[in-house]
Amino acid sequence: MRLAIEEAQRAALSGDVPVGAVVLSADGTLLAAGHNEREATGDPTAHAEVLAIRRAAALLGQWRLGGCTLVVTLEPCTMCAGAIVQSRVDRVVYGARDEKAGAAGSLWDVVRDRRLNHRPEVITGVLERECAQQLTDFFRER
């Protein structure tokens, strides 16, 4: 999670909401990292999770990320939850809950919807205070 928090700091430096994500292999090796780049790129899909998933898939040369863990500072939104399910990530670890847009247990639970063909394990609240504080500080400054 500390690596994801560092990625989130990079997002804030470019004016993006500070969300960071990393993808780890089954043995814990860092495969890819990403942070929000919507403001920097003008791309509404440039969320930290999507970018980290894309980069991990490119590195592995395949879209299936079975055995991988996605670690993200903020609970994934519905778009990111869909990308998680479609990429077959085995585990999602997140820090802060997102009561307004969370899709991994707060507002919705897309990633564990029994109607879908893949449901990753979800671990919540890892370094939650630090992740939430990073977001609070960003919005307070704005």
N, C-alpha and C. Protein backbone atom coordinates (compact mmCIF):
# COMPACT_ATOMS: atom_id res chain seq x y z
N MET A 1 0.83 -1.20 0.00
CA MET A 1 0.00 0.00 0.00
C MET A 1 0.87 1.26 0.00
N ARG A 2 2.02 1.17 0.61
CA ARG A 2 2.90 2.36 0.63
C ARG A 2 3.30 2.77 -0.79
N LEU A 3 3.52 1.81 -1.68
CA LEU A 3 3.83 2.14 -3.08
C LEU A 3 2.64 2.82 -3.75
N ALA A 4 1.44 2.37 -3.45
CA ALA A 4 0.23 2.99 -4.02
C ALA A 4 0.07 4.41 -3.49
N ILE A 5 0.39 4.63 -2.22
CA ILE A 5 0.32 5.97 -1.64
C ILE A 5 1.33 6.90 -2.33
N GLU A 6 2.52 6.39 -2.63
CA GLU A 6 3.50 7.19 -3.37
C GLU A 6 2.97 7.55 -4.76
N GLU A 7 2.32 6.61 -5.41
CA GLU A 7 1.72 6.88 -6.73
C GLU A 7 0.65 7.96 -6.60
N ALA A 8 -0.16 7.90 -5.56
CA ALA A 8 -1.21 8.89 -5.35
C ALA A 8 -0.61 10.29 -5.21
N GLN A 9 0.53 10.39 -4.55
CA GLN A 9 1.20 11.68 -4.41
C GLN A 9 1.57 12.25 -5.79
N ARG A 10 1.97 11.39 -6.71
CA ARG A 10 2.29 11.84 -8.06
C ARG A 10 1.06 12.44 -8.76
N ALA A 11 -0.08 11.83 -8.52
CA ALA A 11 -1.32 12.35 -9.11
C ALA A 11 -1.60 13.76 -8.60
N ALA A 12 -1.48 13.95 -7.31
CA ALA A 12 -1.77 15.25 -6.71
C ALA A 12 -0.85 16.33 -7.28
N LEU A 13 0.39 15.99 -7.55
CA LEU A 13 1.35 16.96 -8.08
C LEU A 13 0.93 17.50 -9.45
N SER A 14 0.18 16.69 -10.20
CA SER A 14 -0.28 17.13 -11.52
C SER A 14 -1.73 17.62 -11.49
N GLY A 15 -2.28 17.79 -10.28
CA GLY A 15 -3.64 18.31 -10.16
C GLY A 15 -4.73 17.27 -10.22
N ASP A 16 -4.35 16.01 -10.26
CA ASP A 16 -5.35 14.94 -10.27
C ASP A 16 -5.68 14.50 -8.85
N VAL A 17 -6.87 13.95 -8.68
CA VAL A 17 -7.26 13.40 -7.38
C VAL A 17 -6.23 12.34 -6.99
N PRO A 18 -5.68 12.42 -5.79
CA PRO A 18 -4.60 11.51 -5.40
C PRO A 18 -5.06 10.08 -5.12
N VAL A 19 -5.11 9.31 -6.17
CA VAL A 19 -5.38 7.88 -6.08
C VAL A 19 -4.23 7.17 -6.78
N GLY A 20 -3.68 6.17 -6.11
CA GLY A 20 -2.60 5.39 -6.68
C GLY A 20 -2.89 3.92 -6.60
N ALA A 21 -2.32 3.16 -7.54
CA ALA A 21 -2.55 1.72 -7.58
C ALA A 21 -1.29 1.00 -8.05
N VAL A 22 -1.14 -0.22 -7.57
CA VAL A 22 -0.07 -1.10 -8.04
C VAL A 22 -0.64 -2.48 -8.27
N VAL A 23 -0.03 -3.21 -9.20
CA VAL A 23 -0.39 -4.60 -9.45
C VAL A 23 0.82 -5.44 -9.06
N LEU A 24 0.57 -6.43 -8.23
CA LEU A 24 1.61 -7.34 -7.76
C LEU A 24 1.38 -8.73 -8.33
N SER A 25 2.46 -9.42 -8.65
CA SER A 25 2.35 -10.80 -9.12
C SER A 25 2.02 -11.71 -7.94
N ALA A 26 1.81 -12.98 -8.21
CA ALA A 26 1.47 -13.94 -7.16
C ALA A 26 2.55 -14.02 -6.09
N ASP A 27 3.81 -13.78 -6.47
CA ASP A 27 4.90 -13.84 -5.48
C ASP A 27 5.19 -12.48 -4.85
N GLY A 28 4.37 -11.47 -5.14
CA GLY A 28 4.52 -10.16 -4.54
C GLY A 28 5.41 -9.20 -5.30
N THR A 29 5.89 -9.60 -6.46
CA THR A 29 6.72 -8.73 -7.29
C THR A 29 5.87 -7.61 -7.89
N LEU A 30 6.39 -6.39 -7.87
CA LEU A 30 5.69 -5.27 -8.48
C LEU A 30 5.72 -5.42 -9.99
N LEU A 31 4.54 -5.48 -10.60
CA LEU A 31 4.42 -5.58 -12.05
C LEU A 31 4.19 -4.22 -12.70
N ALA A 32 3.34 -3.42 -12.07
CA ALA A 32 2.96 -2.14 -12.67
C ALA A 32 2.40 -1.21 -11.62
N ALA A 33 2.43 0.07 -11.94
CA ALA A 33 1.89 1.09 -11.05
C ALA A 33 1.14 2.12 -11.89
N GLY A 34 0.25 2.83 -11.24
CA GLY A 34 -0.48 3.89 -11.91
C GLY A 34 -1.07 4.86 -10.91
N HIS A 35 -1.32 6.04 -11.37
CA HIS A 35 -2.02 7.03 -10.55
C HIS A 35 -2.99 7.77 -11.47
N ASN A 36 -3.97 8.42 -10.86
CA ASN A 36 -4.95 9.14 -11.66
C ASN A 36 -4.25 10.11 -12.60
N GLU A 37 -4.67 10.09 -13.87
CA GLU A 37 -4.09 10.98 -14.88
C GLU A 37 -5.18 11.64 -15.72
N ARG A 38 -6.39 11.73 -15.18
CA ARG A 38 -7.48 12.32 -15.95
C ARG A 38 -7.20 13.76 -16.32
N GLU A 39 -6.78 14.56 -15.35
CA GLU A 39 -6.49 15.97 -15.63
C GLU A 39 -5.27 16.10 -16.55
N ALA A 40 -4.26 15.29 -16.30
CA ALA A 40 -3.02 15.37 -17.08
C ALA A 40 -3.21 14.97 -18.53
N THR A 41 -4.11 14.01 -18.78
CA THR A 41 -4.28 13.48 -20.13
C THR A 41 -5.59 13.88 -20.80
N GLY A 42 -6.56 14.35 -20.02
CA GLY A 42 -7.87 14.63 -20.57
C GLY A 42 -8.66 13.37 -20.87
N ASP A 43 -8.23 12.25 -20.33
CA ASP A 43 -8.86 10.95 -20.57
C ASP A 43 -9.71 10.57 -19.36
N PRO A 44 -11.03 10.49 -19.52
CA PRO A 44 -11.88 10.16 -18.39
C PRO A 44 -11.68 8.73 -17.85
N THR A 45 -11.03 7.88 -18.62
CA THR A 45 -10.78 6.51 -18.15
C THR A 45 -9.41 6.35 -17.51
N ALA A 46 -8.66 7.43 -17.36
CA ALA A 46 -7.30 7.35 -16.83
C ALA A 46 -7.30 7.32 -15.30
N HIS A 47 -8.01 6.34 -14.76
CA HIS A 47 -8.00 6.11 -13.32
C HIS A 47 -6.79 5.25 -12.98
N ALA A 48 -6.31 5.38 -11.76
CA ALA A 48 -5.12 4.66 -11.31
C ALA A 48 -5.23 3.15 -11.56
N GLU A 49 -6.37 2.57 -11.22
CA GLU A 49 -6.55 1.13 -11.36
C GLU A 49 -6.47 0.68 -12.81
N VAL A 50 -7.16 1.40 -13.67
CA VAL A 50 -7.18 1.05 -15.10
C VAL A 50 -5.78 1.14 -15.68
N LEU A 51 -5.06 2.19 -15.35
CA LEU A 51 -3.71 2.35 -15.88
C LEU A 51 -2.77 1.26 -15.37
N ALA A 52 -2.87 0.94 -14.09
CA ALA A 52 -2.02 -0.12 -13.53
C ALA A 52 -2.35 -1.48 -14.16
N ILE A 53 -3.63 -1.75 -14.35
CA ILE A 53 -4.05 -3.02 -14.98
C ILE A 53 -3.54 -3.09 -16.42
N ARG A 54 -3.71 -2.00 -17.18
CA ARG A 54 -3.23 -1.98 -18.57
C ARG A 54 -1.73 -2.24 -18.64
N ARG A 55 -0.98 -1.59 -17.75
CA ARG A 55 0.48 -1.73 -17.76
C ARG A 55 0.91 -3.14 -17.35
N ALA A 56 0.23 -3.73 -16.39
CA ALA A 56 0.56 -5.10 -15.98
C ALA A 56 0.27 -6.08 -17.12
N ALA A 57 -0.87 -5.91 -17.77
CA ALA A 57 -1.22 -6.78 -18.89
C ALA A 57 -0.20 -6.66 -20.03
N ALA A 58 0.22 -5.42 -20.31
CA ALA A 58 1.22 -5.21 -21.36
C ALA A 58 2.54 -5.89 -21.00
N LEU A 59 2.93 -5.78 -19.75
CA LEU A 59 4.18 -6.40 -19.30
C LEU A 59 4.11 -7.93 -19.41
N LEU A 60 2.97 -8.50 -19.02
CA LEU A 60 2.81 -9.95 -19.07
C LEU A 60 2.47 -10.46 -20.47
N GLY A 61 2.02 -9.57 -21.33
CA GLY A 61 1.66 -9.97 -22.68
C GLY A 61 0.35 -10.73 -22.76
N GLN A 62 -0.51 -10.47 -21.79
CA GLN A 62 -1.84 -11.11 -21.80
C GLN A 62 -2.81 -10.30 -20.95
N TRP A 63 -4.10 -10.43 -21.25
CA TRP A 63 -5.09 -9.65 -20.52
C TRP A 63 -5.52 -10.30 -19.22
N ARG A 64 -5.30 -11.58 -19.08
CA ARG A 64 -5.70 -12.28 -17.86
C ARG A 64 -4.63 -12.09 -16.79
N LEU A 65 -5.02 -11.51 -15.67
CA LEU A 65 -4.09 -11.24 -14.58
C LEU A 65 -4.35 -12.15 -13.38
N GLY A 66 -4.70 -13.40 -13.66
CA GLY A 66 -4.90 -14.37 -12.59
C GLY A 66 -3.66 -14.48 -11.73
N GLY A 67 -3.86 -14.60 -10.43
CA GLY A 67 -2.76 -14.69 -9.49
C GLY A 67 -2.28 -13.32 -9.02
N CYS A 68 -2.72 -12.27 -9.67
CA CYS A 68 -2.26 -10.91 -9.33
C CYS A 68 -3.14 -10.26 -8.27
N THR A 69 -2.55 -9.30 -7.59
CA THR A 69 -3.24 -8.49 -6.59
C THR A 69 -3.17 -7.03 -7.02
N LEU A 70 -4.30 -6.36 -6.98
CA LEU A 70 -4.37 -4.92 -7.23
C LEU A 70 -4.47 -4.23 -5.88
N VAL A 71 -3.55 -3.32 -5.61
CA VAL A 71 -3.56 -2.55 -4.36
C VAL A 71 -3.84 -1.11 -4.75
N VAL A 72 -4.87 -0.51 -4.14
CA VAL A 72 -5.27 0.84 -4.52
C VAL A 72 -5.65 1.64 -3.28
N THR A 73 -5.35 2.93 -3.30
CA THR A 73 -5.56 3.75 -2.12
C THR A 73 -7.03 4.06 -1.84
N LEU A 74 -7.86 4.05 -2.87
CA LEU A 74 -9.29 4.35 -2.72
C LEU A 74 -10.12 3.22 -3.32
N GLU A 75 -11.21 2.91 -2.69
CA GLU A 75 -12.12 1.87 -3.20
C GLU A 75 -12.45 2.13 -4.67
N PRO A 76 -12.33 1.13 -5.52
CA PRO A 76 -12.60 1.30 -6.96
C PRO A 76 -14.04 1.73 -7.26
N CYS A 77 -14.18 2.54 -8.31
CA CYS A 77 -15.49 2.95 -8.82
C CYS A 77 -16.06 1.84 -9.70
N THR A 78 -17.23 2.05 -10.26
CA THR A 78 -17.85 1.02 -11.10
C THR A 78 -17.02 0.71 -12.35
N MET A 79 -16.45 1.74 -12.98
CA MET A 79 -15.63 1.49 -14.16
C MET A 79 -14.43 0.62 -13.80
N CYS A 80 -13.75 0.99 -12.74
CA CYS A 80 -12.56 0.24 -12.32
C CYS A 80 -12.93 -1.15 -11.83
N ALA A 81 -14.06 -1.27 -11.17
CA ALA A 81 -14.53 -2.59 -10.73
C ALA A 81 -14.76 -3.49 -11.94
N GLY A 82 -15.33 -2.93 -13.00
CA GLY A 82 -15.52 -3.70 -14.23
C GLY A 82 -14.20 -4.14 -14.82
N ALA A 83 -13.21 -3.26 -14.82
CA ALA A 83 -11.88 -3.60 -15.34
C ALA A 83 -11.24 -4.70 -14.48
N ILE A 84 -11.45 -4.64 -13.20
CA ILE A 84 -10.92 -5.66 -12.28
C ILE A 84 -11.52 -7.02 -12.60
N VAL A 85 -12.82 -7.06 -12.74
CA VAL A 85 -13.50 -8.32 -13.07
C VAL A 85 -13.03 -8.84 -14.42
N GLN A 86 -12.98 -7.97 -15.42
CA GLN A 86 -12.61 -8.39 -16.77
C GLN A 86 -11.16 -8.86 -16.86
N SER A 87 -10.28 -8.31 -16.02
CA SER A 87 -8.86 -8.69 -16.08
C SER A 87 -8.56 -9.94 -15.26
N ARG A 88 -9.54 -10.41 -14.51
CA ARG A 88 -9.40 -11.63 -13.70
C ARG A 88 -8.38 -11.50 -12.57
N VAL A 89 -8.19 -10.28 -12.07
CA VAL A 89 -7.34 -10.08 -10.90
C VAL A 89 -7.89 -10.94 -9.76
N ASP A 90 -7.01 -11.60 -9.03
CA ASP A 90 -7.45 -12.49 -7.95
C ASP A 90 -7.84 -11.77 -6.67
N ARG A 91 -7.19 -10.64 -6.42
CA ARG A 91 -7.39 -9.98 -5.14
C ARG A 91 -7.33 -8.47 -5.32
N VAL A 92 -8.19 -7.77 -4.58
CA VAL A 92 -8.19 -6.32 -4.55
C VAL A 92 -7.99 -5.90 -3.10
N VAL A 93 -7.01 -5.05 -2.88
CA VAL A 93 -6.73 -4.51 -1.55
C VAL A 93 -6.88 -3.00 -1.67
N TYR A 94 -7.75 -2.41 -0.82
CA TYR A 94 -7.86 -0.96 -0.89
C TYR A 94 -7.81 -0.33 0.49
N GLY A 95 -7.47 0.96 0.49
CA GLY A 95 -7.34 1.70 1.74
C GLY A 95 -8.63 2.36 2.16
N ALA A 96 -8.94 3.52 1.60
CA ALA A 96 -10.11 4.31 2.00
C ALA A 96 -11.37 3.85 1.29
N ARG A 97 -12.46 3.84 2.03
CA ARG A 97 -13.77 3.56 1.44
C ARG A 97 -14.24 4.79 0.67
N ASP A 98 -15.04 4.56 -0.37
CA ASP A 98 -15.62 5.66 -1.13
C ASP A 98 -17.14 5.54 -1.05
N GLU A 99 -17.71 6.23 -0.08
CA GLU A 99 -19.16 6.14 0.17
C GLU A 99 -19.99 6.75 -0.96
N LYS A 100 -19.38 7.59 -1.80
CA LYS A 100 -20.11 8.24 -2.88
C LYS A 100 -20.06 7.49 -4.19
N ALA A 101 -18.99 6.72 -4.43
CA ALA A 101 -18.84 6.06 -5.73
C ALA A 101 -18.20 4.68 -5.64
N GLY A 102 -18.01 4.14 -4.45
CA GLY A 102 -17.33 2.86 -4.28
C GLY A 102 -18.12 1.69 -4.83
N ALA A 103 -17.42 0.80 -5.53
CA ALA A 103 -18.08 -0.37 -6.14
C ALA A 103 -17.42 -1.67 -5.72
N ALA A 104 -16.82 -1.64 -4.50
CA ALA A 104 -16.22 -2.86 -3.96
C ALA A 104 -16.66 -3.03 -2.51
N GLY A 105 -17.94 -2.69 -2.26
CA GLY A 105 -18.50 -2.92 -0.94
C GLY A 105 -19.23 -1.75 -0.32
N SER A 106 -18.93 -0.51 -0.71
CA SER A 106 -19.59 0.64 -0.08
C SER A 106 -20.94 0.93 -0.70
N LEU A 107 -20.93 1.61 -1.82
CA LEU A 107 -22.19 1.96 -2.49
C LEU A 107 -22.72 0.78 -3.30
N TRP A 108 -21.84 0.14 -4.04
CA TRP A 108 -22.14 -1.08 -4.79
C TRP A 108 -21.10 -2.14 -4.44
N ASP A 109 -21.33 -3.35 -4.91
CA ASP A 109 -20.33 -4.40 -4.74
C ASP A 109 -20.18 -5.17 -6.05
N VAL A 110 -19.79 -4.45 -7.08
CA VAL A 110 -19.66 -5.02 -8.42
C VAL A 110 -18.66 -6.17 -8.43
N VAL A 111 -17.53 -6.01 -7.76
CA VAL A 111 -16.48 -7.02 -7.85
C VAL A 111 -16.87 -8.37 -7.25
N ARG A 112 -17.86 -8.37 -6.37
CA ARG A 112 -18.30 -9.65 -5.78
C ARG A 112 -19.72 -10.02 -6.17
N ASP A 113 -20.22 -9.43 -7.24
CA ASP A 113 -21.57 -9.73 -7.71
C ASP A 113 -21.62 -11.17 -8.22
N ARG A 114 -22.46 -11.97 -7.64
CA ARG A 114 -22.54 -13.40 -7.98
C ARG A 114 -22.99 -13.66 -9.41
N ARG A 115 -23.55 -12.65 -10.06
CA ARG A 115 -23.99 -12.83 -11.45
C ARG A 115 -22.83 -12.75 -12.43
N LEU A 116 -21.69 -12.29 -11.98
CA LEU A 116 -20.53 -12.16 -12.86
C LEU A 116 -19.68 -13.42 -12.82
N ASN A 117 -18.87 -13.59 -13.85
CA ASN A 117 -18.10 -14.82 -13.99
C ASN A 117 -16.80 -14.84 -13.19
N HIS A 118 -16.43 -13.73 -12.58
CA HIS A 118 -15.20 -13.68 -11.78
C HIS A 118 -15.44 -12.78 -10.58
N ARG A 119 -15.03 -13.26 -9.42
CA ARG A 119 -15.19 -12.48 -8.19
C ARG A 119 -13.90 -12.54 -7.39
N PRO A 120 -13.12 -11.46 -7.42
CA PRO A 120 -11.86 -11.45 -6.66
C PRO A 120 -12.11 -11.33 -5.16
N GLU A 121 -11.14 -11.76 -4.40
CA GLU A 121 -11.13 -11.52 -2.97
C GLU A 121 -10.96 -10.02 -2.76
N VAL A 122 -11.60 -9.47 -1.74
CA VAL A 122 -11.49 -8.04 -1.44
C VAL A 122 -11.04 -7.87 0.01
N ILE A 123 -9.97 -7.10 0.18
CA ILE A 123 -9.45 -6.78 1.51
C ILE A 123 -9.52 -5.27 1.65
N THR A 124 -10.18 -4.80 2.69
CA THR A 124 -10.43 -3.36 2.85
C THR A 124 -9.69 -2.78 4.05
N GLY A 125 -9.56 -1.47 4.04
CA GLY A 125 -9.08 -0.74 5.20
C GLY A 125 -7.58 -0.78 5.46
N VAL A 126 -6.78 -1.16 4.47
CA VAL A 126 -5.32 -1.21 4.66
C VAL A 126 -4.76 0.21 4.61
N LEU A 127 -4.14 0.64 5.70
CA LEU A 127 -3.65 2.02 5.84
C LEU A 127 -4.75 3.02 5.51
N GLU A 128 -5.95 2.70 5.94
CA GLU A 128 -7.13 3.50 5.60
C GLU A 128 -7.00 4.96 6.01
N ARG A 129 -6.52 5.22 7.20
CA ARG A 129 -6.40 6.61 7.66
C ARG A 129 -5.46 7.42 6.79
N GLU A 130 -4.32 6.83 6.45
CA GLU A 130 -3.36 7.54 5.60
C GLU A 130 -3.94 7.81 4.22
N CYS A 131 -4.61 6.82 3.66
CA CYS A 131 -5.20 6.99 2.33
C CYS A 131 -6.30 8.04 2.34
N ALA A 132 -7.15 8.00 3.36
CA ALA A 132 -8.24 8.98 3.47
C ALA A 132 -7.69 10.38 3.71
N GLN A 133 -6.66 10.49 4.54
CA GLN A 133 -6.07 11.80 4.84
C GLN A 133 -5.47 12.44 3.59
N GLN A 134 -4.87 11.62 2.75
CA GLN A 134 -4.29 12.14 1.51
C GLN A 134 -5.38 12.80 0.65
N LEU A 135 -6.53 12.17 0.57
CA LEU A 135 -7.65 12.72 -0.19
C LEU A 135 -8.22 13.96 0.49
N THR A 136 -8.40 13.92 1.80
CA THR A 136 -8.92 15.05 2.55
C THR A 136 -8.04 16.28 2.38
N ASP A 137 -6.72 16.08 2.49
CA ASP A 137 -5.78 17.18 2.34
C ASP A 137 -5.85 17.79 0.94
N PHE A 138 -5.96 16.94 -0.07
CA PHE A 138 -6.03 17.40 -1.45
C PHE A 138 -7.26 18.30 -1.65
N PHE A 139 -8.42 17.83 -1.21
CA PHE A 139 -9.65 18.59 -1.43
C PHE A 139 -9.72 19.82 -0.54
N ARG A 140 -9.12 19.77 0.63
CA ARG A 140 -9.09 20.95 1.51
C ARG A 140 -8.28 22.08 0.86
N GLU A 141 -7.18 21.72 0.20
CA GLU A 141 -6.35 22.71 -0.47
C GLU A 141 -7.05 23.34 -1.67
N ARG A 142 -7.95 22.60 -2.29
CA ARG A 142 -8.66 23.12 -3.46
C ARG A 142 -9.70 24.10 -3.02
